[in-house]
């Protein structure tokens, strides 16, 4: 919904998606998830007070919204911290898998011997 004003109207885009795209006339189908991807720099300057409420209204109508944030202000320290946290999570999952595999093998051998 372009109004001839330069800016970032995230809430307007969400409203167009919600009330204009997911309709029978635009091909909305029963039983198929409605999914929206919002690409934003996080600085909506038109109707910025409506962005959250419009997104919540769309979510209340079972529209799944995924957001991609884009910015030139990337913190390399934050990215490194997120990478380290992800690696730690993967390590914990690997350890949990190995632990469960050990317990499963032990339980399986005990069960077979007692049968």
PDB file of N, CA and C in Angstrom:
ATOM      1  N   UNK A   1       0.859  -1.158   0.000  1.00  0.00           N
ATOM      2  CA  UNK A   1       0.000   0.000   0.000  1.00  0.00           C
ATOM      3  C   UNK A   1       0.909   1.227   0.000  1.00  0.00           C
ATOM      4  N   UNK A   2       1.321   1.681  -1.185  1.00  0.00           N
ATOM      5  CA  UNK A   2       2.220   2.824  -1.301  1.00  0.00           C
ATOM      6  C   UNK A   2       1.422   4.107  -1.253  1.00  0.00           C
ATOM      7  N   UNK A   3       1.811   5.046  -0.395  1.00  0.00           N
ATOM      8  CA  UNK A   3       1.091   6.309  -0.223  1.00  0.00           C
ATOM      9  C   UNK A   3       1.858   7.477  -0.819  1.00  0.00           C
ATOM     10  N   UNK A   4       2.928   7.218  -1.521  1.00  0.00           N
ATOM     11  CA  UNK A   4       3.719   8.298  -2.068  1.00  0.00           C
ATOM     12  C   UNK A   4       4.665   8.917  -1.059  1.00  0.00           C
ATOM     13  N   UNK A   5       4.842   8.273   0.078  1.00  0.00           N
ATOM     14  CA  UNK A   5       5.717   8.785   1.125  1.00  0.00           C
ATOM     15  C   UNK A   5       6.889   7.820   1.276  1.00  0.00           C
ATOM     16  N   UNK A   6       8.104   8.361   1.196  1.00  0.00           N
ATOM     17  CA  UNK A   6       9.270   7.496   1.400  1.00  0.00           C
ATOM     18  C   UNK A   6       9.357   7.131   2.871  1.00  0.00           C
ATOM     19  N   UNK A   7       9.612   5.898   3.131  1.00  0.00           N
ATOM     20  CA  UNK A   7       9.739   5.487   4.515  1.00  0.00           C
ATOM     21  C   UNK A   7       9.609   3.997   4.654  1.00  0.00           C
ATOM     22  N   UNK A   8       9.522   3.577   5.876  1.00  0.00           N
ATOM     23  CA  UNK A   8       9.415   2.161   6.204  1.00  0.00           C
ATOM     24  C   UNK A   8       8.101   1.944   6.934  1.00  0.00           C
ATOM     25  N   UNK A   9       7.164   1.377   6.232  1.00  0.00           N
ATOM     26  CA  UNK A   9       5.828   1.179   6.780  1.00  0.00           C
ATOM     27  C   UNK A   9       5.604  -0.307   7.038  1.00  0.00           C
ATOM     28  N   UNK A  10       6.259  -0.826   8.057  1.00  0.00           N
ATOM     29  CA  UNK A  10       6.168  -2.249   8.365  1.00  0.00           C
ATOM     30  C   UNK A  10       4.738  -2.650   8.703  1.00  0.00           C
ATOM     31  N   UNK A  11       4.063  -1.851   9.512  1.00  0.00           N
ATOM     32  CA  UNK A  11       2.688  -2.200   9.895  1.00  0.00           C
ATOM     33  C   UNK A  11       1.772  -2.193   8.679  1.00  0.00           C
ATOM     34  N   UNK A  12       1.981  -1.256   7.757  1.00  0.00           N
ATOM     35  CA  UNK A  12       1.175  -1.225   6.532  1.00  0.00           C
ATOM     36  C   UNK A  12       1.382  -2.471   5.698  1.00  0.00           C
ATOM     37  N   UNK A  13       2.637  -2.924   5.615  1.00  0.00           N
ATOM     38  CA  UNK A  13       2.918  -4.157   4.879  1.00  0.00           C
ATOM     39  C   UNK A  13       2.276  -5.370   5.529  1.00  0.00           C
ATOM     40  N   UNK A  14       2.292  -5.397   6.840  1.00  0.00           N
ATOM     41  CA  UNK A  14       1.660  -6.509   7.558  1.00  0.00           C
ATOM     42  C   UNK A  14       0.147  -6.489   7.329  1.00  0.00           C
ATOM     43  N   UNK A  15      -0.463  -5.309   7.344  1.00  0.00           N
ATOM     44  CA  UNK A  15      -1.917  -5.212   7.096  1.00  0.00           C
ATOM     45  C   UNK A  15      -2.272  -5.648   5.676  1.00  0.00           C
ATOM     46  N   UNK A  16      -1.477  -5.235   4.677  1.00  0.00           N
ATOM     47  CA  UNK A  16      -1.742  -5.660   3.294  1.00  0.00           C
ATOM     48  C   UNK A  16      -1.643  -7.182   3.201  1.00  0.00           C
ATOM     49  N   UNK A  17      -0.610  -7.754   3.819  1.00  0.00           N
ATOM     50  CA  UNK A  17      -0.459  -9.206   3.810  1.00  0.00           C
ATOM     51  C   UNK A  17      -1.655  -9.866   4.479  1.00  0.00           C
ATOM     52  N   UNK A  18      -2.025  -9.370   5.647  1.00  0.00           N
ATOM     53  CA  UNK A  18      -3.074  -9.990   6.447  1.00  0.00           C
ATOM     54  C   UNK A  18      -4.443  -9.912   5.774  1.00  0.00           C
ATOM     55  N   UNK A  19      -4.822  -8.727   5.362  1.00  0.00           N
ATOM     56  CA  UNK A  19      -6.189  -8.529   4.857  1.00  0.00           C
ATOM     57  C   UNK A  19      -6.287  -8.541   3.338  1.00  0.00           C
ATOM     58  N   UNK A  20      -5.163  -8.455   2.633  1.00  0.00           N
ATOM     59  CA  UNK A  20      -5.214  -8.397   1.182  1.00  0.00           C
ATOM     60  C   UNK A  20      -4.704  -9.633   0.485  1.00  0.00           C
ATOM     61  N   UNK A  21      -3.717 -10.310   1.070  1.00  0.00           N
ATOM     62  CA  UNK A  21      -3.108 -11.456   0.396  1.00  0.00           C
ATOM     63  C   UNK A  21      -3.749 -12.787   0.781  1.00  0.00           C
ATOM     64  N   UNK A  22      -4.058 -12.955   2.035  1.00  0.00           N
ATOM     65  CA  UNK A  22      -4.605 -14.235   2.476  1.00  0.00           C
ATOM     66  C   UNK A  22      -6.122 -14.199   2.422  1.00  0.00           C
ATOM     67  N   UNK A  23      -6.623 -14.123   1.194  1.00  0.00           N
ATOM     68  CA  UNK A  23      -8.069 -14.099   0.940  1.00  0.00           C
ATOM     69  C   UNK A  23      -8.372 -15.132  -0.138  1.00  0.00           C
ATOM     70  N   UNK A  24      -9.635 -15.520  -0.242  1.00  0.00           N
ATOM     71  CA  UNK A  24     -10.036 -16.485  -1.268  1.00  0.00           C
ATOM     72  C   UNK A  24      -9.691 -15.981  -2.666  1.00  0.00           C
ATOM     73  N   UNK A  25      -9.892 -14.689  -2.920  1.00  0.00           N
ATOM     74  CA  UNK A  25      -9.636 -14.142  -4.248  1.00  0.00           C
ATOM     75  C   UNK A  25      -8.150 -14.132  -4.610  1.00  0.00           C
ATOM     76  N   UNK A  26      -7.291 -14.200  -3.621  1.00  0.00           N
ATOM     77  CA  UNK A  26      -5.835 -14.242  -3.874  1.00  0.00           C
ATOM     78  C   UNK A  26      -5.273 -15.656  -3.776  1.00  0.00           C
ATOM     79  N   UNK A  27      -6.150 -16.652  -3.662  1.00  0.00           N
ATOM     80  CA  UNK A  27      -5.693 -18.037  -3.673  1.00  0.00           C
ATOM     81  C   UNK A  27      -5.485 -18.674  -2.318  1.00  0.00           C
ATOM     82  N   UNK A  28      -6.017 -18.066  -1.254  1.00  0.00           N
ATOM     83  CA  UNK A  28      -5.890 -18.680   0.069  1.00  0.00           C
ATOM     84  C   UNK A  28      -6.577 -20.036   0.044  1.00  0.00           C
ATOM     85  N   UNK A  29      -5.947 -21.048   0.639  1.00  0.00           N
ATOM     86  CA  UNK A  29      -6.489 -22.401   0.619  1.00  0.00           C
ATOM     87  C   UNK A  29      -6.734 -22.918   2.017  1.00  0.00           C
ATOM     88  N   UNK A  30      -7.845 -23.562   2.206  1.00  0.00           N
ATOM     89  CA  UNK A  30      -8.183 -24.168   3.488  1.00  0.00           C
ATOM     90  C   UNK A  30      -7.222 -25.332   3.721  1.00  0.00           C
ATOM     91  N   UNK A  31      -6.727 -25.449   4.957  1.00  0.00           N
ATOM     92  CA  UNK A  31      -5.854 -26.552   5.316  1.00  0.00           C
ATOM     93  C   UNK A  31      -4.386 -26.320   4.977  1.00  0.00           C
ATOM     94  N   UNK A  32      -4.060 -25.161   4.426  1.00  0.00           N
ATOM     95  CA  UNK A  32      -2.673 -24.839   4.100  1.00  0.00           C
ATOM     96  C   UNK A  32      -2.239 -23.677   4.982  1.00  0.00           C
ATOM     97  N   UNK A  33      -1.108 -23.836   5.648  1.00  0.00           N
ATOM     98  CA  UNK A  33      -0.616 -22.778   6.533  1.00  0.00           C
ATOM     99  C   UNK A  33      -0.364 -21.488   5.763  1.00  0.00           C
ATOM    100  N   UNK A  34      -0.733 -20.386   6.371  1.00  0.00           N
ATOM    101  CA  UNK A  34      -0.406 -19.070   5.832  1.00  0.00           C
ATOM    102  C   UNK A  34       0.874 -18.607   6.512  1.00  0.00           C
ATOM    103  N   UNK A  35       1.884 -18.339   5.711  1.00  0.00           N
ATOM    104  CA  UNK A  35       3.195 -17.966   6.223  1.00  0.00           C
ATOM    105  C   UNK A  35       3.618 -16.656   5.587  1.00  0.00           C
ATOM    106  N   UNK A  36       4.173 -15.761   6.400  1.00  0.00           N
ATOM    107  CA  UNK A  36       4.679 -14.488   5.896  1.00  0.00           C
ATOM    108  C   UNK A  36       6.113 -14.309   6.367  1.00  0.00           C
ATOM    109  N   UNK A  37       6.929 -13.722   5.503  1.00  0.00           N
ATOM    110  CA  UNK A  37       8.301 -13.388   5.861  1.00  0.00           C
ATOM    111  C   UNK A  37       8.424 -11.876   5.789  1.00  0.00           C
ATOM    112  N   UNK A  38       8.785 -11.268   6.907  1.00  0.00           N
ATOM    113  CA  UNK A  38       8.953  -9.820   6.985  1.00  0.00           C
ATOM    114  C   UNK A  38      10.451  -9.532   7.020  1.00  0.00           C
ATOM    115  N   UNK A  39      10.918  -8.760   6.044  1.00  0.00           N
ATOM    116  CA  UNK A  39      12.317  -8.348   5.997  1.00  0.00           C
ATOM    117  C   UNK A  39      12.346  -6.886   6.448  1.00  0.00           C
ATOM    118  N   UNK A  40      13.109  -6.601   7.490  1.00  0.00           N
ATOM    119  CA  UNK A  40      13.077  -5.261   8.073  1.00  0.00           C
ATOM    120  C   UNK A  40      14.426  -4.859   8.645  1.00  0.00           C
ATOM    121  N   UNK A  41      14.622  -3.552   8.708  1.00  0.00           N
ATOM    122  CA  UNK A  41      15.804  -3.056   9.406  1.00  0.00           C
ATOM    123  C   UNK A  41      15.442  -2.650  10.831  1.00  0.00           C
ATOM    124  N   UNK A  42      14.186  -2.857  11.205  1.00  0.00           N
ATOM    125  CA  UNK A  42      13.742  -2.604  12.568  1.00  0.00           C
ATOM    126  C   UNK A  42      13.389  -1.156  12.858  1.00  0.00           C
ATOM    127  N   UNK A  43      13.402  -0.305  11.843  1.00  0.00           N
ATOM    128  CA  UNK A  43      13.080   1.105  12.074  1.00  0.00           C
ATOM    129  C   UNK A  43      11.912   1.528  11.199  1.00  0.00           C
ATOM    130  N   UNK A  44      10.743   1.115  11.582  1.00  0.00           N
ATOM    131  CA  UNK A  44       9.533   1.548  10.891  1.00  0.00           C
ATOM    132  C   UNK A  44       9.256   2.988  11.290  1.00  0.00           C
ATOM    133  N   UNK A  45       9.076   3.871  10.310  1.00  0.00           N
ATOM    134  CA  UNK A  45       8.846   5.273  10.650  1.00  0.00           C
ATOM    135  C   UNK A  45       7.466   5.770  10.230  1.00  0.00           C
ATOM    136  N   UNK A  46       6.620   4.878   9.766  1.00  0.00           N
ATOM    137  CA  UNK A  46       5.233   5.213   9.453  1.00  0.00           C
ATOM    138  C   UNK A  46       4.365   4.237  10.239  1.00  0.00           C
ATOM    139  N   UNK A  47       3.464   4.753  11.035  1.00  0.00           N
ATOM    140  CA  UNK A  47       2.588   3.909  11.869  1.00  0.00           C
ATOM    141  C   UNK A  47       3.379   2.931  12.735  1.00  0.00           C
ATOM    142  N   UNK A  48       4.553   3.340  13.215  1.00  0.00           N
ATOM    143  CA  UNK A  48       5.389   2.411  13.981  1.00  0.00           C
ATOM    144  C   UNK A  48       4.703   1.915  15.252  1.00  0.00           C
ATOM    145  N   UNK A  49       3.739   2.655  15.750  1.00  0.00           N
ATOM    146  CA  UNK A  49       3.018   2.227  16.945  1.00  0.00           C
ATOM    147  C   UNK A  49       2.045   1.084  16.692  1.00  0.00           C
ATOM    148  N   UNK A  50       1.787   0.788  15.411  1.00  0.00           N
ATOM    149  CA  UNK A  50       0.833  -0.277  15.071  1.00  0.00           C
ATOM    150  C   UNK A  50       1.509  -1.593  14.718  1.00  0.00           C
ATOM    151  N   UNK A  51       2.810  -1.593  14.544  1.00  0.00           N
ATOM    152  CA  UNK A  51       3.499  -2.777  14.016  1.00  0.00           C
ATOM    153  C   UNK A  51       3.228  -4.022  14.859  1.00  0.00           C
ATOM    154  N   UNK A  52       3.409  -3.930  16.152  1.00  0.00           N
ATOM    155  CA  UNK A  52       3.232  -5.102  17.010  1.00  0.00           C
ATOM    156  C   UNK A  52       1.777  -5.542  17.036  1.00  0.00           C
ATOM    157  N   UNK A  53       0.851  -4.603  17.173  1.00  0.00           N
ATOM    158  CA  UNK A  53      -0.566  -4.991  17.237  1.00  0.00           C
ATOM    159  C   UNK A  53      -1.029  -5.590  15.910  1.00  0.00           C
ATOM    160  N   UNK A  54      -0.538  -5.059  14.767  1.00  0.00           N
ATOM    161  CA  UNK A  54      -0.912  -5.638  13.470  1.00  0.00           C
ATOM    162  C   UNK A  54      -0.344  -7.045  13.312  1.00  0.00           C
ATOM    163  N   UNK A  55       0.875  -7.254  13.790  1.00  0.00           N
ATOM    164  CA  UNK A  55       1.475  -8.594  13.729  1.00  0.00           C
ATOM    165  C   UNK A  55       0.715  -9.568  14.631  1.00  0.00           C
ATOM    166  N   UNK A  56       0.313  -9.106  15.808  1.00  0.00           N
ATOM    167  CA  UNK A  56      -0.463  -9.961  16.717  1.00  0.00           C
ATOM    168  C   UNK A  56      -1.830 -10.292  16.127  1.00  0.00           C
ATOM    169  N   UNK A  57      -2.465  -9.334  15.439  1.00  0.00           N
ATOM    170  CA  UNK A  57      -3.745  -9.605  14.775  1.00  0.00           C
ATOM    171  C   UNK A  57      -3.574 -10.679  13.709  1.00  0.00           C
ATOM    172  N   UNK A  58      -2.494 -10.587  12.933  1.00  0.00           N
ATOM    173  CA  UNK A  58      -2.243 -11.596  11.902  1.00  0.00           C
ATOM    174  C   UNK A  58      -1.989 -12.958  12.538  1.00  0.00           C
ATOM    175  N   UNK A  59      -1.220 -12.958  13.614  1.00  0.00           N
ATOM    176  CA  UNK A  59      -0.938 -14.222  14.299  1.00  0.00           C
ATOM    177  C   UNK A  59      -2.218 -14.825  14.877  1.00  0.00           C
ATOM    178  N   UNK A  60      -3.127 -13.974  15.360  1.00  0.00           N
ATOM    179  CA  UNK A  60      -4.398 -14.467  15.905  1.00  0.00           C
ATOM    180  C   UNK A  60      -5.238 -15.148  14.823  1.00  0.00           C
ATOM    181  N   UNK A  61      -4.998 -14.792  13.560  1.00  0.00           N
ATOM    182  CA  UNK A  61      -5.685 -15.442  12.440  1.00  0.00           C
ATOM    183  C   UNK A  61      -4.841 -16.570  11.850  1.00  0.00           C
ATOM    184  N   UNK A  62      -3.944 -17.111  12.663  1.00  0.00           N
ATOM    185  CA  UNK A  62      -3.112 -18.272  12.310  1.00  0.00           C
ATOM    186  C   UNK A  62      -2.159 -18.022  11.147  1.00  0.00           C
ATOM    187  N   UNK A  63      -1.688 -16.806  10.997  1.00  0.00           N
ATOM    188  CA  UNK A  63      -0.645 -16.511  10.021  1.00  0.00           C
ATOM    189  C   UNK A  63       0.688 -16.577  10.769  1.00  0.00           C
ATOM    190  N   UNK A  64       1.567 -17.430  10.288  1.00  0.00           N
ATOM    191  CA  UNK A  64       2.886 -17.563  10.910  1.00  0.00           C
ATOM    192  C   UNK A  64       3.801 -16.508  10.288  1.00  0.00           C
ATOM    193  N   UNK A  65       4.389 -15.678  11.123  1.00  0.00           N
ATOM    194  CA  UNK A  65       5.254 -14.601  10.643  1.00  0.00           C
ATOM    195  C   UNK A  65       6.689 -14.879  11.077  1.00  0.00           C
ATOM    196  N   UNK A  66       7.581 -14.892  10.097  1.00  0.00           N
ATOM    197  CA  UNK A  66       9.009 -15.027  10.349  1.00  0.00           C
ATOM    198  C   UNK A  66       9.663 -13.713   9.944  1.00  0.00           C
ATOM    199  N   UNK A  67      10.580 -13.244  10.755  1.00  0.00           N
ATOM    200  CA  UNK A  67      11.198 -11.948  10.527  1.00  0.00           C
ATOM    201  C   UNK A  67      12.689 -12.104  10.263  1.00  0.00           C
ATOM    202  N   UNK A  68      13.154 -11.393   9.257  1.00  0.00           N
ATOM    203  CA  UNK A  68      14.573 -11.341   8.949  1.00  0.00           C
ATOM    204  C   UNK A  68      15.023  -9.906   9.167  1.00  0.00           C
ATOM    205  N   UNK A  69      15.955  -9.723  10.077  1.00  0.00           N
ATOM    206  CA  UNK A  69      16.473  -8.388  10.354  1.00  0.00           C
ATOM    207  C   UNK A  69      17.732  -8.111   9.550  1.00  0.00           C
ATOM    208  N   UNK A  70      17.765  -6.948   8.938  1.00  0.00           N
ATOM    209  CA  UNK A  70      18.913  -6.552   8.130  1.00  0.00           C
ATOM    210  C   UNK A  70      19.422  -5.217   8.649  1.00  0.00           C
ATOM    211  N   UNK A  71      20.730  -5.138   8.873  1.00  0.00           N
ATOM    212  CA  UNK A  71      21.308  -3.896   9.376  1.00  0.00           C
ATOM    213  C   UNK A  71      22.779  -3.831   9.016  1.00  0.00           C
ATOM    214  N   UNK A  72      23.288  -2.626   8.780  1.00  0.00           N
ATOM    215  CA  UNK A  72      24.730  -2.495   8.577  1.00  0.00           C
ATOM    216  C   UNK A  72      25.487  -2.445   9.906  1.00  0.00           C
ATOM    217  N   UNK A  73      24.762  -2.381  11.001  1.00  0.00           N
ATOM    218  CA  UNK A  73      25.373  -2.234  12.324  1.00  0.00           C
ATOM    219  C   UNK A  73      25.547  -3.599  12.987  1.00  0.00           C
ATOM    220  N   UNK A  74      26.318  -4.453  12.353  1.00  0.00           N
ATOM    221  CA  UNK A  74      26.528  -5.795  12.872  1.00  0.00           C
ATOM    222  C   UNK A  74      27.667  -5.761  13.887  1.00  0.00           C
ATOM    223  N   UNK A  75      27.425  -6.363  15.021  1.00  0.00           N
ATOM    224  CA  UNK A  75      28.452  -6.464  16.054  1.00  0.00           C
ATOM    225  C   UNK A  75      29.179  -7.791  15.886  1.00  0.00           C
ATOM    226  N   UNK A  76      30.435  -7.735  15.514  1.00  0.00           N
ATOM    227  CA  UNK A  76      31.188  -8.977  15.337  1.00  0.00           C
ATOM    228  C   UNK A  76      31.328  -9.726  16.660  1.00  0.00           C
ATOM    229  N   UNK A  77      31.408  -9.003  17.772  1.00  0.00           N
ATOM    230  CA  UNK A  77      31.477  -9.666  19.076  1.00  0.00           C
ATOM    231  C   UNK A  77      30.196 -10.431  19.376  1.00  0.00           C
ATOM    232  N   UNK A  78      29.049  -9.837  19.036  1.00  0.00           N
ATOM    233  CA  UNK A  78      27.776 -10.517  19.262  1.00  0.00           C
ATOM    234  C   UNK A  78      27.667 -11.754  18.372  1.00  0.00           C
ATOM    235  N   UNK A  79      28.080 -11.636  17.113  1.00  0.00           N
ATOM    236  CA  UNK A  79      28.037 -12.794  16.222  1.00  0.00           C
ATOM    237  C   UNK A  79      28.942 -13.911  16.729  1.00  0.00           C
ATOM    238  N   UNK A  80      30.107 -13.560  17.227  1.00  0.00           N
ATOM    239  CA  UNK A  80      31.019 -14.558  17.783  1.00  0.00           C
ATOM    240  C   UNK A  80      30.412 -15.234  19.007  1.00  0.00           C
ATOM    241  N   UNK A  81      29.782 -14.456  19.863  1.00  0.00           N
ATOM    242  CA  UNK A  81      29.123 -15.018  21.041  1.00  0.00           C
ATOM    243  C   UNK A  81      27.997 -15.964  20.631  1.00  0.00           C
ATOM    244  N   UNK A  82      27.192 -15.573  19.644  1.00  0.00           N
ATOM    245  CA  UNK A  82      26.109 -16.445  19.174  1.00  0.00           C
ATOM    246  C   UNK A  82      26.661 -17.737  18.575  1.00  0.00           C
ATOM    247  N   UNK A  83      27.767 -17.632  17.834  1.00  0.00           N
ATOM    248  CA  UNK A  83      28.400 -18.821  17.276  1.00  0.00           C
ATOM    249  C   UNK A  83      28.889 -19.743  18.381  1.00  0.00           C
ATOM    250  N   UNK A  84      29.524 -19.186  19.394  1.00  0.00           N
ATOM    251  CA  UNK A  84      30.008 -20.000  20.511  1.00  0.00           C
ATOM    252  C   UNK A  84      28.858 -20.670  21.258  1.00  0.00           C
ATOM    253  N   UNK A  85      27.759 -19.949  21.441  1.00  0.00           N
ATOM    254  CA  UNK A  85      26.594 -20.543  22.106  1.00  0.00           C
ATOM    255  C   UNK A  85      26.011 -21.677  21.269  1.00  0.00           C
ATOM    256  N   UNK A  86      25.972 -21.490  19.958  1.00  0.00           N
ATOM    257  CA  UNK A  86      25.468 -22.538  19.076  1.00  0.00           C
ATOM    258  C   UNK A  86      26.367 -23.770  19.136  1.00  0.00           C
ATOM    259  N   UNK A  87      27.677 -23.561  19.124  1.00  0.00           N
ATOM    260  CA  UNK A  87      28.607 -24.690  19.224  1.00  0.00           C
ATOM    261  C   UNK A  87      28.462 -25.413  20.561  1.00  0.00           C
ATOM    262  N   UNK A  88      28.272 -24.663  21.625  1.00  0.00           N
ATOM    263  CA  UNK A  88      28.061 -25.271  22.942  1.00  0.00           C
ATOM    264  C   UNK A  88      26.778 -26.105  22.948  1.00  0.00           C
ATOM    265  N   UNK A  89      25.735 -25.587  22.347  1.00  0.00           N
ATOM    266  CA  UNK A  89      24.477 -26.329  22.267  1.00  0.00           C
ATOM    267  C   UNK A  89      24.664 -27.618  21.474  1.00  0.00           C
ATOM    268  N   UNK A  90      25.375 -27.542  20.364  1.00  0.00           N
ATOM    269  CA  UNK A  90      25.625 -28.745  19.568  1.00  0.00           C
ATOM    270  C   UNK A  90      26.445 -29.769  20.352  1.00  0.00           C
ATOM    271  N   UNK A  91      27.418 -29.301  21.102  1.00  0.00           N
ATOM    272  CA  UNK A  91      28.227 -30.194  21.934  1.00  0.00           C
ATOM    273  C   UNK A  91      27.361 -30.872  22.999  1.00  0.00           C
ATOM    274  N   UNK A  92      26.490 -30.109  23.633  1.00  0.00           N
ATOM    275  CA  UNK A  92      25.592 -30.689  24.644  1.00  0.00           C
ATOM    276  C   UNK A  92      24.653 -31.720  24.028  1.00  0.00           C
ATOM    277  N   UNK A  93      24.160 -31.440  22.830  1.00  0.00           N
ATOM    278  CA  UNK A  93      23.291 -32.410  22.154  1.00  0.00           C
ATOM    279  C   UNK A  93      24.048 -33.685  21.810  1.00  0.00           C
ATOM    280  N   UNK A  94      25.289 -33.541  21.384  1.00  0.00           N
ATOM    281  CA  UNK A  94      26.113 -34.709  21.088  1.00  0.00           C
ATOM    282  C   UNK A  94      26.348 -35.539  22.349  1.00  0.00           C
ATOM    283  N   UNK A  95      26.671 -34.877  23.450  1.00  0.00           N
ATOM    284  CA  UNK A  95      26.875 -35.585  24.718  1.00  0.00           C
ATOM    285  C   UNK A  95      25.598 -36.288  25.175  1.00  0.00           C
ATOM    286  N   UNK A  96      24.465 -35.622  25.024  1.00  0.00           N
ATOM    287  CA  UNK A  96      23.190 -36.241  25.387  1.00  0.00           C
ATOM    288  C   UNK A  96      22.915 -37.467  24.525  1.00  0.00           C
ATOM    289  N   UNK A  97      23.188 -37.358  23.237  1.00  0.00           N
ATOM    290  CA  UNK A  97      23.005 -38.496  22.339  1.00  0.00           C
ATOM    291  C   UNK A  97      23.879 -39.672  22.774  1.00  0.00           C
ATOM    292  N   UNK A  98      25.150 -39.394  23.056  1.00  0.00           N
ATOM    293  CA  UNK A  98      26.063 -40.471  23.469  1.00  0.00           C
ATOM    294  C   UNK A  98      25.622 -41.100  24.790  1.00  0.00           C
ATOM    295  N   UNK A  99      25.168 -40.279  25.709  1.00  0.00           N
ATOM    296  CA  UNK A  99      24.684 -40.780  26.990  1.00  0.00           C
ATOM    297  C   UNK A  99      23.449 -41.663  26.803  1.00  0.00           C
ATOM    298  N   UNK A 100      22.513 -41.191  26.001  1.00  0.00           N
ATOM    299  CA  UNK A 100      21.292 -41.977  25.760  1.00  0.00           C
ATOM    300  C   UNK A 100      21.608 -43.277  25.029  1.00  0.00           C
ATOM    301  N   UNK A 101      22.559 -43.234  24.110  1.00  0.00           N
ATOM    302  CA  UNK A 101      22.938 -44.451  23.387  1.00  0.00           C
ATOM    303  C   UNK A 101      23.556 -45.459  24.340  1.00  0.00           C
ATOM    304  N   UNK A 102      24.369 -44.992  25.279  1.00  0.00           N
ATOM    305  CA  UNK A 102      24.978 -45.879  26.272  1.00  0.00           C
ATOM    306  C   UNK A 102      23.912 -46.506  27.159  1.00  0.00           C
ATOM    307  N   UNK A 103      22.991 -45.690  27.651  1.00  0.00           N
ATOM    308  CA  UNK A 103      21.919 -46.219  28.502  1.00  0.00           C
ATOM    309  C   UNK A 103      21.020 -47.176  27.730  1.00  0.00           C
ATOM    310  N   UNK A 104      20.754 -46.872  26.484  1.00  0.00           N
ATOM    311  CA  UNK A 104      19.909 -47.754  25.676  1.00  0.00           C
ATOM    312  C   UNK A 104      20.588 -49.107  25.495  1.00  0.00           C
ATOM    313  N   UNK A 105      21.890 -49.094  25.185  1.00  0.00           N
ATOM    314  CA  UNK A 105      22.625 -50.359  25.005  1.00  0.00           C
ATOM    315  C   UNK A 105      22.632 -51.160  26.291  1.00  0.00           C
ATOM    316  N   UNK A 106      22.858 -50.510  27.427  1.00  0.00           N
ATOM    317  CA  UNK A 106      22.867 -51.180  28.720  1.00  0.00           C
ATOM    318  C   UNK A 106      21.496 -51.753  29.037  1.00  0.00           C
ATOM    319  N   UNK A 107      20.456 -50.949  28.845  1.00  0.00           N
ATOM    320  CA  UNK A 107      19.097 -51.396  29.126  1.00  0.00           C
ATOM    321  C   UNK A 107      18.710 -52.554  28.220  1.00  0.00           C
ATOM    322  N   UNK A 108      19.098 -52.484  26.967  1.00  0.00           N
ATOM    323  CA  UNK A 108      18.775 -53.529  26.005  1.00  0.00           C
ATOM    324  C   UNK A 108      19.441 -54.847  26.403  1.00  0.00           C
ATOM    325  N   UNK A 109      20.700 -54.805  26.822  1.00  0.00           N
ATOM    326  CA  UNK A 109      21.390 -56.036  27.196  1.00  0.00           C
ATOM    327  C   UNK A 109      20.819 -56.621  28.489  1.00  0.00           C
ATOM    328  N   UNK A 110      20.436 -55.772  29.431  1.00  0.00           N
ATOM    329  CA  UNK A 110      19.822 -56.258  30.675  1.00  0.00           C
ATOM    330  C   UNK A 110      18.467 -56.865  30.381  1.00  0.00           C
ATOM    331  N   UNK A 111      17.692 -56.254  29.541  1.00  0.00           N
ATOM    332  CA  UNK A 111      16.359 -56.760  29.202  1.00  0.00           C
ATOM    333  C   UNK A 111      16.455 -58.111  28.497  1.00  0.00           C
ATOM    334  N   UNK A 112      17.406 -58.247  27.581  1.00  0.00           N
ATOM    335  CA  UNK A 112      17.554 -59.496  26.848  1.00  0.00           C
ATOM    336  C   UNK A 112      17.998 -60.615  27.799  1.00  0.00           C
ATOM    337  N   UNK A 113      18.885 -60.326  28.734  1.00  0.00           N
ATOM    338  CA  UNK A 113      19.367 -61.346  29.655  1.00  0.00           C
ATOM    339  C   UNK A 113      18.267 -61.809  30.609  1.00  0.00           C
ATOM    340  N   UNK A 114      17.349 -60.914  30.958  1.00  0.00           N
ATOM    341  CA  UNK A 114      16.302 -61.253  31.924  1.00  0.00           C
ATOM    342  C   UNK A 114      15.088 -61.898  31.280  1.00  0.00           C
ATOM    343  N   UNK A 115      15.050 -61.990  29.975  1.00  0.00           N
ATOM    344  CA  UNK A 115      13.872 -62.569  29.309  1.00  0.00           C
ATOM    345  C   UNK A 115      13.909 -64.053  29.360  1.00  0.00           C
TER     346      UNK A 115
END
